[in-house]
């Protein structure tokens, strides 16, 4: 039989169990990559020559390094230097992936910060704020409103990119589909079930991103 509908639906139900875990990993990676990206973007924009060199080297590494090699490289370094590390544990997976995504977030946040008019700094200084207070209370909130739609797009990209974590033994939607295919030898049904789940997630998240972009474009336009 070319296609077994019953097996397809059975695989679909089983693979759905991995969706909450995948969504959680993606939101955690998004959060920590924003932290990494925000720190490095600040170093690049407001740091001295040495501090500016660090994010440049970091971004250059990620741009040149395929994700799958990054996963293998960091996982092997952890296994050799941190005995007992379980690479399938969520914190380890999230940390490895966040370091990679943090590079693109560095450029996203840097662009958002550069979009803020210089007059916003002057406005903060005029009411008695120092540089740090102006950044925290004036510049960063406005930059966040600019970057938020980009972050939401990144979230969707992370969900799909997590399909590579099977190489270190972690389980997401794709890894669960592989396990189903290996158990029932119905590779077409299992992979199509996974593809359907990714498609539905993509459609829903794309709709949310589109609405967010429209909302924030109106509000950001008022502050420029």
N, C-alpha and C. Protein backbone atom coordinates (compact mmCIF):
# COMPACT_ATOMS: atom_id res chain seq x y z
N UNK A 1 0.84 -1.20 0.00
CA UNK A 1 0.00 0.00 0.00
C UNK A 1 0.88 1.25 0.00
N UNK A 2 0.58 2.19 -0.90
CA UNK A 2 1.41 3.38 -1.05
C UNK A 2 1.32 4.29 0.17
N UNK A 3 0.11 4.46 0.69
CA UNK A 3 -0.08 5.36 1.83
C UNK A 3 -1.12 4.79 2.77
N UNK A 4 -0.73 4.65 4.04
CA UNK A 4 -1.62 4.10 5.06
C UNK A 4 -2.17 5.24 5.91
N UNK A 5 -3.44 5.55 5.74
CA UNK A 5 -4.05 6.68 6.43
C UNK A 5 -4.09 6.46 7.93
N UNK A 6 -4.39 5.24 8.36
CA UNK A 6 -4.44 4.95 9.79
C UNK A 6 -3.08 5.16 10.45
N UNK A 7 -2.03 4.71 9.79
CA UNK A 7 -0.68 4.90 10.33
C UNK A 7 -0.33 6.38 10.38
N UNK A 8 -0.77 7.12 9.36
CA UNK A 8 -0.52 8.56 9.32
C UNK A 8 -1.11 9.25 10.54
N UNK A 9 -2.37 8.96 10.84
CA UNK A 9 -3.03 9.61 11.98
C UNK A 9 -2.44 9.13 13.32
N UNK A 10 -2.05 7.87 13.37
CA UNK A 10 -1.41 7.37 14.59
C UNK A 10 -0.08 8.09 14.83
N UNK A 11 0.68 8.24 13.76
CA UNK A 11 1.96 8.95 13.87
C UNK A 11 1.73 10.41 14.22
N UNK A 12 0.71 11.01 13.63
CA UNK A 12 0.40 12.42 13.89
C UNK A 12 0.11 12.64 15.37
N UNK A 13 -0.70 11.77 15.95
CA UNK A 13 -1.05 11.91 17.37
C UNK A 13 0.18 11.74 18.25
N UNK A 14 1.02 10.76 17.91
CA UNK A 14 2.23 10.52 18.71
C UNK A 14 3.22 11.68 18.59
N UNK A 15 3.38 12.21 17.39
CA UNK A 15 4.32 13.31 17.17
C UNK A 15 3.85 14.58 17.85
N UNK A 16 2.54 14.76 17.96
CA UNK A 16 2.00 15.95 18.63
C UNK A 16 2.47 16.07 20.07
N UNK A 17 2.82 14.93 20.68
CA UNK A 17 3.33 14.97 22.05
C UNK A 17 4.61 15.80 22.16
N UNK A 18 5.34 15.90 21.06
CA UNK A 18 6.61 16.63 21.08
C UNK A 18 6.43 18.13 20.84
N UNK A 19 5.22 18.56 20.47
CA UNK A 19 5.00 19.97 20.15
C UNK A 19 5.21 20.88 21.36
N UNK A 20 4.60 20.60 22.53
CA UNK A 20 4.84 21.48 23.68
C UNK A 20 6.32 21.60 24.04
N UNK A 21 7.04 20.50 24.00
CA UNK A 21 8.47 20.52 24.32
C UNK A 21 9.22 21.39 23.31
N UNK A 22 8.88 21.25 22.04
CA UNK A 22 9.54 22.02 20.99
C UNK A 22 9.25 23.51 21.14
N UNK A 23 7.99 23.85 21.40
CA UNK A 23 7.63 25.26 21.57
C UNK A 23 8.32 25.86 22.78
N UNK A 24 8.42 25.08 23.86
CA UNK A 24 9.11 25.57 25.05
C UNK A 24 10.59 25.79 24.78
N UNK A 25 11.23 24.82 24.12
CA UNK A 25 12.65 24.98 23.80
C UNK A 25 12.86 26.21 22.93
N UNK A 26 11.96 26.42 21.96
CA UNK A 26 12.11 27.56 21.05
C UNK A 26 11.97 28.89 21.79
N UNK A 27 11.01 29.00 22.70
CA UNK A 27 10.84 30.26 23.44
C UNK A 27 12.01 30.49 24.38
N UNK A 28 12.55 29.41 24.96
CA UNK A 28 13.72 29.55 25.84
C UNK A 28 14.94 29.98 25.04
N UNK A 29 15.13 29.37 23.87
CA UNK A 29 16.25 29.76 23.01
C UNK A 29 16.10 31.21 22.57
N UNK A 30 14.88 31.60 22.22
CA UNK A 30 14.64 32.99 21.82
C UNK A 30 15.01 33.95 22.94
N UNK A 31 14.58 33.65 24.17
CA UNK A 31 14.85 34.52 25.30
C UNK A 31 16.35 34.67 25.55
N UNK A 32 17.04 33.54 25.65
CA UNK A 32 18.47 33.60 25.99
C UNK A 32 19.30 34.15 24.82
N UNK A 33 18.85 33.91 23.60
CA UNK A 33 19.58 34.48 22.46
C UNK A 33 19.41 36.00 22.42
N UNK A 34 18.26 36.49 22.88
CA UNK A 34 18.05 37.94 22.97
C UNK A 34 18.97 38.53 24.04
N UNK A 35 19.11 37.80 25.16
CA UNK A 35 20.03 38.25 26.22
C UNK A 35 21.45 38.33 25.68
N UNK A 36 21.88 37.26 25.01
CA UNK A 36 23.24 37.23 24.43
C UNK A 36 23.38 38.33 23.38
N UNK A 37 22.39 38.43 22.49
CA UNK A 37 22.44 39.41 21.43
C UNK A 37 22.42 40.84 21.95
N UNK A 38 21.61 41.07 22.99
CA UNK A 38 21.55 42.41 23.58
C UNK A 38 22.87 42.83 24.19
N UNK A 39 23.50 41.88 24.89
CA UNK A 39 24.80 42.16 25.51
C UNK A 39 25.85 42.48 24.45
N UNK A 40 25.91 41.64 23.41
CA UNK A 40 26.93 41.82 22.38
C UNK A 40 26.65 43.07 21.52
N UNK A 41 25.37 43.35 21.26
CA UNK A 41 25.04 44.55 20.50
C UNK A 41 25.44 45.80 21.26
N UNK A 42 25.23 45.79 22.58
CA UNK A 42 25.63 46.93 23.42
C UNK A 42 27.15 47.09 23.43
N UNK A 43 27.86 45.97 23.47
CA UNK A 43 29.32 46.03 23.42
C UNK A 43 29.79 46.61 22.09
N UNK A 44 29.12 46.23 21.02
CA UNK A 44 29.53 46.68 19.69
C UNK A 44 29.24 48.17 19.49
N UNK A 45 28.15 48.64 20.07
CA UNK A 45 27.75 50.03 19.86
C UNK A 45 28.36 50.99 20.87
N UNK A 46 28.49 50.54 22.11
CA UNK A 46 28.89 51.46 23.18
C UNK A 46 30.21 51.10 23.86
N UNK A 47 30.83 50.00 23.45
CA UNK A 47 32.07 49.58 24.08
C UNK A 47 33.30 50.19 23.42
N UNK A 48 34.44 49.91 24.02
CA UNK A 48 35.71 50.36 23.46
C UNK A 48 36.16 49.44 22.34
N UNK A 49 37.35 49.69 21.79
CA UNK A 49 37.85 48.90 20.66
C UNK A 49 37.92 47.40 20.95
N UNK A 50 38.38 47.03 22.15
CA UNK A 50 38.50 45.61 22.48
C UNK A 50 37.12 44.97 22.63
N UNK A 51 36.22 45.66 23.33
CA UNK A 51 34.87 45.13 23.52
C UNK A 51 34.15 44.99 22.18
N UNK A 52 34.38 45.91 21.27
CA UNK A 52 33.73 45.84 19.97
C UNK A 52 34.24 44.67 19.14
N UNK A 53 35.46 44.25 19.42
CA UNK A 53 36.03 43.14 18.67
C UNK A 53 35.36 41.81 19.01
N UNK A 54 34.94 41.65 20.27
CA UNK A 54 34.34 40.38 20.72
C UNK A 54 33.09 40.03 19.92
N UNK A 55 32.08 40.91 19.82
CA UNK A 55 30.89 40.55 19.04
C UNK A 55 31.19 40.37 17.55
N UNK A 56 32.17 41.11 17.03
CA UNK A 56 32.53 40.95 15.62
C UNK A 56 33.07 39.56 15.35
N UNK A 57 33.94 39.07 16.23
CA UNK A 57 34.49 37.73 16.08
C UNK A 57 33.41 36.67 16.27
N UNK A 58 32.53 36.89 17.23
CA UNK A 58 31.45 35.95 17.53
C UNK A 58 30.49 35.82 16.35
N UNK A 59 30.05 36.96 15.82
CA UNK A 59 29.14 36.95 14.67
C UNK A 59 29.82 36.33 13.45
N UNK A 60 31.10 36.62 13.27
CA UNK A 60 31.84 36.04 12.16
C UNK A 60 31.93 34.53 12.25
N UNK A 61 32.11 34.01 13.48
CA UNK A 61 32.16 32.56 13.69
C UNK A 61 30.85 31.91 13.28
N UNK A 62 29.74 32.47 13.73
CA UNK A 62 28.43 31.87 13.44
C UNK A 62 28.10 31.95 11.95
N UNK A 63 28.43 33.07 11.33
CA UNK A 63 28.16 33.21 9.91
C UNK A 63 28.91 32.17 9.08
N UNK A 64 30.10 31.82 9.53
CA UNK A 64 30.92 30.87 8.78
C UNK A 64 30.65 29.42 9.14
N UNK A 65 29.96 29.18 10.26
CA UNK A 65 29.82 27.83 10.80
C UNK A 65 28.40 27.29 10.59
N UNK A 66 28.25 26.20 9.83
CA UNK A 66 26.93 25.56 9.73
C UNK A 66 26.42 25.14 11.10
N UNK A 67 25.11 25.22 11.29
CA UNK A 67 24.53 24.91 12.58
C UNK A 67 24.87 23.50 13.06
N UNK A 68 24.85 22.55 12.15
CA UNK A 68 25.07 21.16 12.56
C UNK A 68 26.50 20.95 13.05
N UNK A 69 27.47 21.65 12.46
CA UNK A 69 28.85 21.55 12.93
C UNK A 69 28.99 22.21 14.29
N UNK A 70 28.30 23.33 14.48
CA UNK A 70 28.30 24.01 15.78
C UNK A 70 27.77 23.07 16.86
N UNK A 71 26.70 22.36 16.56
CA UNK A 71 26.13 21.42 17.53
C UNK A 71 27.11 20.32 17.89
N UNK A 72 27.72 19.73 16.86
CA UNK A 72 28.71 18.67 17.11
C UNK A 72 29.91 19.21 17.89
N UNK A 73 30.39 20.38 17.50
CA UNK A 73 31.59 20.95 18.12
C UNK A 73 31.38 21.22 19.61
N UNK A 74 30.30 21.95 19.93
CA UNK A 74 30.04 22.30 21.33
C UNK A 74 29.72 21.06 22.16
N UNK A 75 28.96 20.13 21.58
CA UNK A 75 28.61 18.91 22.32
C UNK A 75 29.86 18.09 22.63
N UNK A 76 30.79 18.00 21.67
CA UNK A 76 32.01 17.25 21.90
C UNK A 76 32.90 17.94 22.94
N UNK A 77 32.96 19.26 22.90
CA UNK A 77 33.73 20.00 23.90
C UNK A 77 33.17 19.77 25.30
N UNK A 78 31.84 19.74 25.40
CA UNK A 78 31.20 19.50 26.70
C UNK A 78 31.48 18.08 27.19
N UNK A 79 31.38 17.11 26.29
CA UNK A 79 31.60 15.73 26.69
C UNK A 79 33.03 15.49 27.16
N UNK A 80 33.99 16.14 26.52
CA UNK A 80 35.40 15.94 26.88
C UNK A 80 35.81 16.69 28.14
N UNK A 81 35.23 17.87 28.32
CA UNK A 81 35.70 18.73 29.40
C UNK A 81 34.76 18.80 30.60
N UNK A 82 33.51 18.36 30.42
CA UNK A 82 32.54 18.35 31.53
C UNK A 82 31.98 16.93 31.63
N UNK A 83 32.70 16.04 32.28
CA UNK A 83 32.25 14.64 32.38
C UNK A 83 30.86 14.54 33.01
N UNK A 84 30.07 13.64 32.46
CA UNK A 84 28.74 13.42 33.00
C UNK A 84 27.67 14.31 32.39
N UNK A 85 28.06 15.19 31.46
CA UNK A 85 27.08 16.07 30.82
C UNK A 85 26.11 15.26 29.98
N UNK A 86 24.82 15.45 30.22
CA UNK A 86 23.78 14.78 29.44
C UNK A 86 23.31 15.75 28.36
N UNK A 87 23.73 15.51 27.12
CA UNK A 87 23.44 16.44 26.03
C UNK A 87 21.96 16.48 25.66
N UNK A 88 21.18 15.49 26.13
CA UNK A 88 19.75 15.48 25.81
C UNK A 88 18.94 16.33 26.78
N UNK A 89 19.56 16.81 27.86
CA UNK A 89 18.84 17.62 28.84
C UNK A 89 18.52 18.99 28.25
N UNK A 90 17.33 19.49 28.58
CA UNK A 90 16.87 20.75 28.01
C UNK A 90 17.84 21.91 28.23
N UNK A 91 18.37 22.12 29.44
CA UNK A 91 19.27 23.26 29.63
C UNK A 91 20.48 23.22 28.70
N UNK A 92 21.02 22.03 28.46
CA UNK A 92 22.19 21.90 27.58
C UNK A 92 21.82 22.23 26.15
N UNK A 93 20.71 21.67 25.68
CA UNK A 93 20.24 21.93 24.31
C UNK A 93 19.96 23.41 24.11
N UNK A 94 19.27 24.00 25.07
CA UNK A 94 18.92 25.42 24.97
C UNK A 94 20.17 26.30 24.95
N UNK A 95 21.15 25.97 25.79
CA UNK A 95 22.37 26.76 25.86
C UNK A 95 23.14 26.70 24.54
N UNK A 96 23.30 25.48 23.99
CA UNK A 96 24.05 25.32 22.74
C UNK A 96 23.38 26.08 21.60
N UNK A 97 22.07 25.94 21.51
CA UNK A 97 21.35 26.58 20.41
C UNK A 97 21.29 28.09 20.60
N UNK A 98 21.15 28.54 21.84
CA UNK A 98 21.07 29.99 22.10
C UNK A 98 22.35 30.70 21.70
N UNK A 99 23.49 30.05 21.91
CA UNK A 99 24.77 30.64 21.53
C UNK A 99 24.83 30.88 20.03
N UNK A 100 24.21 29.98 19.28
CA UNK A 100 24.24 30.12 17.81
C UNK A 100 23.28 31.23 17.35
N UNK A 101 22.05 31.19 17.85
CA UNK A 101 21.05 32.17 17.44
C UNK A 101 21.40 33.57 17.94
N UNK A 102 22.16 33.63 19.03
CA UNK A 102 22.55 34.92 19.59
C UNK A 102 23.27 35.82 18.61
N UNK A 103 23.95 35.23 17.62
CA UNK A 103 24.67 36.03 16.63
C UNK A 103 23.71 36.85 15.77
N UNK A 104 22.65 36.21 15.27
CA UNK A 104 21.68 36.94 14.46
C UNK A 104 20.93 37.96 15.31
N UNK A 105 20.70 37.62 16.58
CA UNK A 105 20.04 38.57 17.47
C UNK A 105 20.93 39.79 17.73
N UNK A 106 22.22 39.58 17.73
CA UNK A 106 23.14 40.70 17.90
C UNK A 106 22.91 41.74 16.81
N UNK A 107 22.82 41.29 15.58
CA UNK A 107 22.61 42.21 14.46
C UNK A 107 21.20 42.79 14.47
N UNK A 108 20.21 41.98 14.85
CA UNK A 108 18.83 42.48 14.93
C UNK A 108 18.71 43.61 15.96
N UNK A 109 19.27 43.38 17.14
CA UNK A 109 19.19 44.36 18.22
C UNK A 109 20.02 45.60 17.89
N UNK A 110 21.17 45.38 17.28
CA UNK A 110 22.01 46.51 16.87
C UNK A 110 21.26 47.41 15.89
N UNK A 111 20.58 46.79 14.92
CA UNK A 111 19.81 47.57 13.94
C UNK A 111 18.67 48.32 14.62
N UNK A 112 18.02 47.67 15.59
CA UNK A 112 16.92 48.31 16.31
C UNK A 112 17.42 49.51 17.10
N UNK A 113 18.57 49.37 17.75
CA UNK A 113 19.14 50.47 18.53
C UNK A 113 19.54 51.63 17.62
N UNK A 114 20.10 51.31 16.46
CA UNK A 114 20.51 52.35 15.53
C UNK A 114 19.32 53.09 14.91
N UNK A 115 18.15 52.45 14.96
CA UNK A 115 16.96 53.10 14.39
C UNK A 115 16.40 54.19 15.30
N UNK A 116 16.84 54.22 16.56
CA UNK A 116 16.36 55.22 17.50
C UNK A 116 17.08 56.55 17.24
N UNK A 117 16.29 57.60 17.10
CA UNK A 117 16.86 58.91 16.81
C UNK A 117 17.78 59.39 17.94
N UNK A 118 18.86 60.05 17.55
CA UNK A 118 19.82 60.56 18.53
C UNK A 118 19.16 61.53 19.51
N UNK A 119 18.09 62.16 19.07
CA UNK A 119 17.40 63.11 19.94
C UNK A 119 16.83 62.47 21.18
N UNK A 120 16.60 61.14 21.13
CA UNK A 120 16.08 60.45 22.31
C UNK A 120 17.13 60.43 23.43
N UNK A 121 18.39 60.32 23.05
CA UNK A 121 19.46 60.42 24.05
C UNK A 121 19.47 61.81 24.68
N UNK A 122 19.39 62.81 23.81
CA UNK A 122 19.41 64.19 24.30
C UNK A 122 18.23 64.47 25.21
N UNK A 123 17.06 63.87 24.89
CA UNK A 123 15.87 64.06 25.72
C UNK A 123 16.08 63.47 27.11
N UNK A 124 16.73 62.30 27.15
CA UNK A 124 17.02 61.68 28.44
C UNK A 124 18.00 62.50 29.26
N UNK A 125 19.04 63.00 28.59
CA UNK A 125 20.04 63.81 29.29
C UNK A 125 19.42 65.11 29.81
N UNK A 126 18.45 65.65 29.06
CA UNK A 126 17.88 66.94 29.43
C UNK A 126 17.05 66.88 30.71
N UNK A 127 16.59 65.69 31.07
CA UNK A 127 15.79 65.57 32.30
C UNK A 127 16.62 64.96 33.44
N UNK A 128 17.93 64.97 33.28
CA UNK A 128 18.81 64.56 34.36
C UNK A 128 19.25 63.12 34.36
N UNK A 129 18.92 62.35 33.32
CA UNK A 129 19.35 60.94 33.27
C UNK A 129 20.80 60.86 32.81
N UNK A 130 21.52 59.86 33.33
CA UNK A 130 22.85 59.60 32.81
C UNK A 130 22.74 58.64 31.62
N UNK A 131 23.87 58.23 31.07
CA UNK A 131 23.87 57.37 29.88
C UNK A 131 23.16 56.05 30.13
N UNK A 132 23.47 55.41 31.28
CA UNK A 132 22.87 54.11 31.60
C UNK A 132 21.36 54.23 31.76
N UNK A 133 20.90 55.25 32.49
CA UNK A 133 19.46 55.43 32.70
C UNK A 133 18.75 55.74 31.38
N UNK A 134 19.39 56.52 30.52
CA UNK A 134 18.78 56.84 29.23
C UNK A 134 18.62 55.60 28.37
N UNK A 135 19.64 54.74 28.40
CA UNK A 135 19.55 53.50 27.64
C UNK A 135 18.44 52.59 28.16
N UNK A 136 18.40 52.46 29.50
CA UNK A 136 17.43 51.54 30.11
C UNK A 136 15.99 52.03 30.00
N UNK A 137 15.77 53.31 30.20
CA UNK A 137 14.41 53.82 30.31
C UNK A 137 13.88 54.53 29.06
N UNK A 138 14.77 54.87 28.14
CA UNK A 138 14.32 55.60 26.95
C UNK A 138 14.62 54.82 25.67
N UNK A 139 15.89 54.47 25.49
CA UNK A 139 16.31 53.88 24.22
C UNK A 139 15.89 52.41 24.09
N UNK A 140 16.20 51.58 25.07
CA UNK A 140 15.89 50.15 24.98
C UNK A 140 14.39 49.86 24.81
N UNK A 141 13.50 50.54 25.55
CA UNK A 141 12.07 50.26 25.33
C UNK A 141 11.60 50.56 23.91
N UNK A 142 12.11 51.65 23.33
CA UNK A 142 11.73 51.97 21.96
C UNK A 142 12.35 50.99 20.97
N UNK A 143 13.59 50.58 21.22
CA UNK A 143 14.23 49.60 20.35
C UNK A 143 13.52 48.26 20.41
N UNK A 144 12.99 47.90 21.58
CA UNK A 144 12.26 46.65 21.73
C UNK A 144 11.02 46.63 20.84
N UNK A 145 10.34 47.78 20.78
CA UNK A 145 9.15 47.86 19.95
C UNK A 145 9.48 47.71 18.48
N UNK A 146 10.67 48.15 18.09
CA UNK A 146 11.11 47.98 16.71
C UNK A 146 11.49 46.52 16.43
N UNK A 147 12.16 45.90 17.39
CA UNK A 147 12.71 44.56 17.18
C UNK A 147 11.71 43.44 17.42
N UNK A 148 10.62 43.70 18.12
CA UNK A 148 9.71 42.62 18.52
C UNK A 148 9.17 41.82 17.34
N UNK A 149 8.72 42.45 16.25
CA UNK A 149 8.27 41.64 15.10
C UNK A 149 9.39 40.74 14.56
N UNK A 150 10.63 41.24 14.57
CA UNK A 150 11.76 40.44 14.12
C UNK A 150 11.97 39.24 15.05
N UNK A 151 11.81 39.47 16.34
CA UNK A 151 11.95 38.38 17.31
C UNK A 151 10.90 37.29 17.05
N UNK A 152 9.71 37.70 16.71
CA UNK A 152 8.65 36.73 16.46
C UNK A 152 8.96 35.90 15.22
N UNK A 153 9.52 36.54 14.19
CA UNK A 153 9.96 35.78 13.01
C UNK A 153 11.08 34.82 13.37
N UNK A 154 11.97 35.26 14.24
CA UNK A 154 13.07 34.42 14.68
C UNK A 154 12.55 33.20 15.42
N UNK A 155 11.47 33.37 16.19
CA UNK A 155 10.88 32.26 16.93
C UNK A 155 10.45 31.14 15.98
N UNK A 156 9.84 31.52 14.87
CA UNK A 156 9.42 30.52 13.89
C UNK A 156 10.64 29.83 13.28
N UNK A 157 11.67 30.60 13.01
CA UNK A 157 12.89 30.02 12.45
C UNK A 157 13.54 29.05 13.43
N UNK A 158 13.50 29.39 14.72
CA UNK A 158 14.08 28.51 15.74
C UNK A 158 13.34 27.18 15.79
N UNK A 159 12.02 27.23 15.73
CA UNK A 159 11.22 26.00 15.78
C UNK A 159 11.65 25.04 14.68
N UNK A 160 11.82 25.56 13.47
CA UNK A 160 12.23 24.70 12.36
C UNK A 160 13.70 24.29 12.50
N UNK A 161 14.52 25.19 12.99
CA UNK A 161 15.93 24.88 13.16
C UNK A 161 16.21 23.84 14.21
N UNK A 162 15.31 23.70 15.18
CA UNK A 162 15.50 22.71 16.24
C UNK A 162 15.47 21.28 15.70
N UNK A 163 15.04 21.12 14.44
CA UNK A 163 15.02 19.77 13.86
C UNK A 163 16.41 19.16 13.78
N UNK A 164 17.45 20.00 13.92
CA UNK A 164 18.82 19.50 13.86
C UNK A 164 19.32 18.93 15.19
N UNK A 165 18.60 19.18 16.27
CA UNK A 165 19.11 18.75 17.58
C UNK A 165 19.08 17.24 17.76
N UNK A 166 18.46 16.52 16.82
CA UNK A 166 18.47 15.06 16.93
C UNK A 166 19.89 14.51 16.87
N UNK A 167 20.81 15.29 16.29
CA UNK A 167 22.20 14.80 16.15
C UNK A 167 22.88 14.65 17.51
N UNK A 168 22.37 15.33 18.54
CA UNK A 168 22.95 15.16 19.88
C UNK A 168 22.00 14.39 20.79
N UNK A 169 20.98 13.77 20.18
CA UNK A 169 20.11 12.88 20.93
C UNK A 169 18.89 13.52 21.57
N UNK A 170 18.70 14.83 21.37
CA UNK A 170 17.53 15.51 21.94
C UNK A 170 16.31 15.26 21.05
N UNK A 171 15.14 15.42 21.64
CA UNK A 171 13.90 15.08 20.92
C UNK A 171 13.04 16.33 20.73
N UNK A 172 12.71 16.60 19.47
CA UNK A 172 11.74 17.64 19.12
C UNK A 172 10.74 17.01 18.17
N UNK A 173 10.03 17.82 17.39
CA UNK A 173 9.02 17.28 16.48
C UNK A 173 9.65 16.33 15.45
N UNK A 174 10.73 16.78 14.82
CA UNK A 174 11.35 15.96 13.79
C UNK A 174 11.96 14.68 14.37
N UNK A 175 12.63 14.81 15.51
CA UNK A 175 13.22 13.62 16.13
C UNK A 175 12.14 12.61 16.50
N UNK A 176 11.00 13.11 16.98
CA UNK A 176 9.89 12.21 17.31
C UNK A 176 9.36 11.51 16.06
N UNK A 177 9.34 12.23 14.95
CA UNK A 177 8.91 11.64 13.68
C UNK A 177 9.88 10.54 13.26
N UNK A 178 11.17 10.76 13.47
CA UNK A 178 12.16 9.73 13.14
C UNK A 178 11.96 8.48 13.98
N UNK A 179 11.66 8.69 15.26
CA UNK A 179 11.43 7.54 16.14
C UNK A 179 10.19 6.77 15.70
N UNK A 180 9.14 7.49 15.33
CA UNK A 180 7.92 6.83 14.85
C UNK A 180 8.21 6.04 13.57
N UNK A 181 8.95 6.66 12.66
CA UNK A 181 9.27 6.00 11.39
C UNK A 181 10.10 4.73 11.63
N UNK A 182 11.02 4.81 12.59
CA UNK A 182 11.85 3.65 12.89
C UNK A 182 11.04 2.53 13.53
N UNK A 183 10.01 2.90 14.28
CA UNK A 183 9.19 1.89 14.97
C UNK A 183 8.21 1.19 14.04
N UNK A 184 7.59 1.97 13.14
CA UNK A 184 6.54 1.37 12.29
C UNK A 184 6.95 1.21 10.83
N UNK A 185 8.17 1.63 10.51
CA UNK A 185 8.71 1.54 9.14
C UNK A 185 7.84 2.28 8.12
N UNK A 186 7.02 3.19 8.62
CA UNK A 186 6.16 3.99 7.73
C UNK A 186 6.77 5.39 7.63
N UNK A 187 7.82 5.50 6.86
CA UNK A 187 8.58 6.75 6.80
C UNK A 187 7.78 7.87 6.15
N UNK A 188 7.07 7.55 5.09
CA UNK A 188 6.29 8.58 4.40
C UNK A 188 5.21 9.13 5.32
N UNK A 189 4.48 8.25 5.98
CA UNK A 189 3.40 8.68 6.87
C UNK A 189 3.94 9.52 8.03
N UNK A 190 5.03 9.07 8.63
CA UNK A 190 5.58 9.78 9.79
C UNK A 190 6.12 11.16 9.41
N UNK A 191 6.85 11.23 8.30
CA UNK A 191 7.42 12.51 7.89
C UNK A 191 6.35 13.47 7.38
N UNK A 192 5.32 12.94 6.75
CA UNK A 192 4.22 13.81 6.32
C UNK A 192 3.45 14.35 7.53
N UNK A 193 3.31 13.52 8.56
CA UNK A 193 2.66 13.98 9.78
C UNK A 193 3.46 15.12 10.41
N UNK A 194 4.78 14.96 10.46
CA UNK A 194 5.63 16.02 10.99
C UNK A 194 5.54 17.28 10.13
N UNK A 195 5.52 17.08 8.81
CA UNK A 195 5.42 18.22 7.89
C UNK A 195 4.12 18.99 8.11
N UNK A 196 3.03 18.26 8.34
CA UNK A 196 1.75 18.90 8.59
C UNK A 196 1.79 19.74 9.86
N UNK A 197 2.41 19.20 10.90
CA UNK A 197 2.51 19.93 12.16
C UNK A 197 3.33 21.21 11.97
N UNK A 198 4.47 21.10 11.29
CA UNK A 198 5.29 22.29 11.01
C UNK A 198 4.51 23.32 10.20
N UNK A 199 3.74 22.84 9.23
CA UNK A 199 2.97 23.75 8.37
C UNK A 199 1.93 24.51 9.19
N UNK A 200 1.20 23.79 10.04
CA UNK A 200 0.17 24.44 10.87
C UNK A 200 0.81 25.46 11.81
N UNK A 201 1.90 25.08 12.45
CA UNK A 201 2.60 26.01 13.33
C UNK A 201 3.06 27.25 12.55
N UNK A 202 3.57 27.02 11.35
CA UNK A 202 4.05 28.13 10.52
C UNK A 202 2.92 29.08 10.15
N UNK A 203 1.79 28.53 9.77
CA UNK A 203 0.64 29.36 9.39
C UNK A 203 0.16 30.20 10.57
N UNK A 204 0.01 29.56 11.73
CA UNK A 204 -0.49 30.26 12.91
C UNK A 204 0.48 31.35 13.35
N UNK A 205 1.76 30.99 13.44
CA UNK A 205 2.76 31.96 13.89
C UNK A 205 2.96 33.08 12.88
N UNK A 206 2.86 32.78 11.58
CA UNK A 206 2.97 33.82 10.56
C UNK A 206 1.83 34.82 10.68
N UNK A 207 0.62 34.33 10.97
CA UNK A 207 -0.50 35.23 11.18
C UNK A 207 -0.26 36.14 12.38
N UNK A 208 0.28 35.58 13.45
CA UNK A 208 0.58 36.38 14.65
C UNK A 208 1.66 37.41 14.35
N UNK A 209 2.68 37.00 13.59
CA UNK A 209 3.77 37.92 13.25
C UNK A 209 3.24 39.07 12.40
N UNK A 210 2.38 38.75 11.43
CA UNK A 210 1.82 39.79 10.55
C UNK A 210 1.02 40.80 11.36
N UNK A 211 0.20 40.31 12.28
CA UNK A 211 -0.57 41.23 13.12
C UNK A 211 0.33 42.07 14.01
N UNK A 212 1.36 41.44 14.55
CA UNK A 212 2.29 42.18 15.41
C UNK A 212 3.02 43.26 14.62
N UNK A 213 3.42 42.94 13.40
CA UNK A 213 4.13 43.92 12.58
C UNK A 213 3.24 45.13 12.28
N UNK A 214 1.97 44.85 11.98
CA UNK A 214 1.04 45.96 11.71
C UNK A 214 0.84 46.81 12.95
N UNK A 215 0.68 46.16 14.10
CA UNK A 215 0.46 46.88 15.35
C UNK A 215 1.66 47.75 15.71
N UNK A 216 2.84 47.13 15.69
CA UNK A 216 4.03 47.86 16.12
C UNK A 216 4.49 48.90 15.11
N UNK A 217 4.22 48.66 13.81
CA UNK A 217 4.62 49.66 12.82
C UNK A 217 3.85 50.96 13.03
N UNK A 218 2.59 50.85 13.43
CA UNK A 218 1.80 52.05 13.70
C UNK A 218 2.32 52.78 14.93
N UNK A 219 2.61 52.03 15.98
CA UNK A 219 3.03 52.66 17.24
C UNK A 219 4.46 53.18 17.18
N UNK A 220 5.31 52.45 16.45
CA UNK A 220 6.69 52.93 16.32
C UNK A 220 6.74 54.18 15.47
N UNK A 221 5.86 54.25 14.47
CA UNK A 221 5.85 55.42 13.61
C UNK A 221 5.55 56.70 14.39
N UNK A 222 4.79 56.57 15.47
CA UNK A 222 4.44 57.73 16.27
C UNK A 222 5.63 58.26 17.03
N UNK A 223 6.56 57.37 17.45
CA UNK A 223 7.68 57.78 18.28
C UNK A 223 8.86 58.25 17.48
N UNK A 224 8.92 57.94 16.16
CA UNK A 224 10.08 58.33 15.38
C UNK A 224 10.15 59.82 15.16
